[in-house]
Amino acid sequence: MDNIGGEQGLYRPDSYFNKLEDAGWVELEDKRLGHVQFFEKEGTVIAIEIHEDTFDIHEMNKDAKY
């Protein structure tokens, strides 16, 4: 994606994140770590790592410490 992240990955793609929330994903704002943001839905937690012009999505292990 173009024009997301910025040099330090701090600018999230709001249109994509709005679609996540519309689909029932809830942001775990207290877990946010700079350019990594966490969402939960039905017991599944994902981490979205934002970079300049890209982002990665990781499903967290059930016993992961984050």
C-alpha atoms as a PDB file:
ATOM      1  CA  MET A   1       0.000   0.000   0.000  1.00  0.00           C
ATOM      2  CA  ASP A   2       1.272   3.440  -0.815  1.00  0.00           C
ATOM      3  CA  ASN A   3       1.343   6.302   1.646  1.00  0.00           C
ATOM      4  CA  ILE A   4       0.990   4.346   4.869  1.00  0.00           C
ATOM      5  CA  GLY A   5       3.344   3.930   7.750  1.00  0.00           C
ATOM      6  CA  GLY A   6       5.635   6.863   7.220  1.00  0.00           C
ATOM      7  CA  GLU A   7       9.359   6.456   7.787  1.00  0.00           C
ATOM      8  CA  GLN A   8       8.888   4.968  11.260  1.00  0.00           C
ATOM      9  CA  GLY A   9       5.697   2.994  10.611  1.00  0.00           C
ATOM     10  CA  LEU A  10       3.595   5.149  12.925  1.00  0.00           C
ATOM     11  CA  TYR A  11       0.780   6.053  10.495  1.00  0.00           C
ATOM     12  CA  ARG A  12      -1.742   3.275  10.161  1.00  0.00           C
ATOM     13  CA  PRO A  13      -3.973   2.694   7.115  1.00  0.00           C
ATOM     14  CA  ASP A  14      -7.226   3.913   8.702  1.00  0.00           C
ATOM     15  CA  SER A  15      -9.513   2.619   5.932  1.00  0.00           C
ATOM     16  CA  TYR A  16      -8.153  -0.915   6.449  1.00  0.00           C
ATOM     17  CA  PHE A  17      -8.367  -0.664  10.246  1.00  0.00           C
ATOM     18  CA  ASN A  18     -11.963   0.596   9.999  1.00  0.00           C
ATOM     19  CA  LYS A  19     -12.834  -2.523   7.977  1.00  0.00           C
ATOM     20  CA  LEU A  20     -11.258  -4.714  10.668  1.00  0.00           C
ATOM     21  CA  GLU A  21     -13.405  -3.042  13.303  1.00  0.00           C
ATOM     22  CA  ASP A  22     -16.513  -3.373  11.105  1.00  0.00           C
ATOM     23  CA  ALA A  23     -15.771  -7.121  10.900  1.00  0.00           C
ATOM     24  CA  GLY A  24     -15.742  -7.394  14.700  1.00  0.00           C
ATOM     25  CA  TRP A  25     -12.031  -7.060  15.491  1.00  0.00           C
ATOM     26  CA  VAL A  26     -11.377  -5.010  18.644  1.00  0.00           C
ATOM     27  CA  GLU A  27      -8.142  -3.080  18.999  1.00  0.00           C
ATOM     28  CA  LEU A  28      -6.214  -3.797  22.203  1.00  0.00           C
ATOM     29  CA  GLU A  29      -5.047  -0.209  22.578  1.00  0.00           C
ATOM     30  CA  ASP A  30      -3.244  -0.846  25.870  1.00  0.00           C
ATOM     31  CA  LYS A  31      -1.009  -3.398  24.093  1.00  0.00           C
ATOM     32  CA  ARG A  32       0.101  -1.054  21.270  1.00  0.00           C
ATOM     33  CA  LEU A  33       3.887  -0.980  20.841  1.00  0.00           C
ATOM     34  CA  GLY A  34       4.865   1.859  18.499  1.00  0.00           C
ATOM     35  CA  HIS A  35       4.367   0.485  14.994  1.00  0.00           C
ATOM     36  CA  VAL A  36       2.768  -2.799  16.207  1.00  0.00           C
ATOM     37  CA  GLN A  37      -0.942  -2.853  16.994  1.00  0.00           C
ATOM     38  CA  PHE A  38      -2.987  -5.764  18.346  1.00  0.00           C
ATOM     39  CA  PHE A  39      -6.582  -6.782  17.622  1.00  0.00           C
ATOM     40  CA  GLU A  40      -8.751  -9.538  19.115  1.00  0.00           C
ATOM     41  CA  LYS A  41     -11.806 -11.377  17.830  1.00  0.00           C
ATOM     42  CA  GLU A  42     -13.388 -14.494  19.313  1.00  0.00           C
ATOM     43  CA  GLY A  43     -10.252 -15.400  21.285  1.00  0.00           C
ATOM     44  CA  THR A  44      -7.841 -14.884  18.373  1.00  0.00           C
ATOM     45  CA  VAL A  45      -5.263 -12.117  18.660  1.00  0.00           C
ATOM     46  CA  ILE A  46      -3.436 -10.670  15.668  1.00  0.00           C
ATOM     47  CA  ALA A  47      -0.510  -8.261  15.586  1.00  0.00           C
ATOM     48  CA  ILE A  48      -0.280  -5.791  12.721  1.00  0.00           C
ATOM     49  CA  GLU A  49       3.238  -4.492  12.187  1.00  0.00           C
ATOM     50  CA  ILE A  50       3.236  -1.315  10.094  1.00  0.00           C
ATOM     51  CA  HIS A  51       6.180  -0.308   7.925  1.00  0.00           C
ATOM     52  CA  GLU A  52       6.623   2.384   5.301  1.00  0.00           C
ATOM     53  CA  ASP A  53       4.200   1.401   2.466  1.00  0.00           C
ATOM     54  CA  THR A  54       3.601  -2.151   3.828  1.00  0.00           C
ATOM     55  CA  PHE A  55       2.256  -3.987   6.841  1.00  0.00           C
ATOM     56  CA  ASP A  56       2.522  -7.560   8.155  1.00  0.00           C
ATOM     57  CA  ILE A  57      -0.168  -9.490  10.008  1.00  0.00           C
ATOM     58  CA  HIS A  58       0.777 -12.168  12.541  1.00  0.00           C
ATOM     59  CA  GLU A  59      -1.551 -14.458  14.472  1.00  0.00           C
ATOM     60  CA  MET A  60      -0.386 -14.658  18.052  1.00  0.00           C
ATOM     61  CA  ASN A  61       0.057 -17.984  19.837  1.00  0.00           C
ATOM     62  CA  LYS A  62      -2.490 -18.522  22.595  1.00  0.00           C
ATOM     63  CA  ASP A  63       0.244 -18.441  25.282  1.00  0.00           C
ATOM     64  CA  ALA A  64       2.249 -15.530  23.815  1.00  0.00           C
ATOM     65  CA  LYS A  65       3.295 -12.696  26.115  1.00  0.00           C
ATOM     66  CA  TYR A  66       2.666  -9.337  24.467  1.00  0.00           C
END
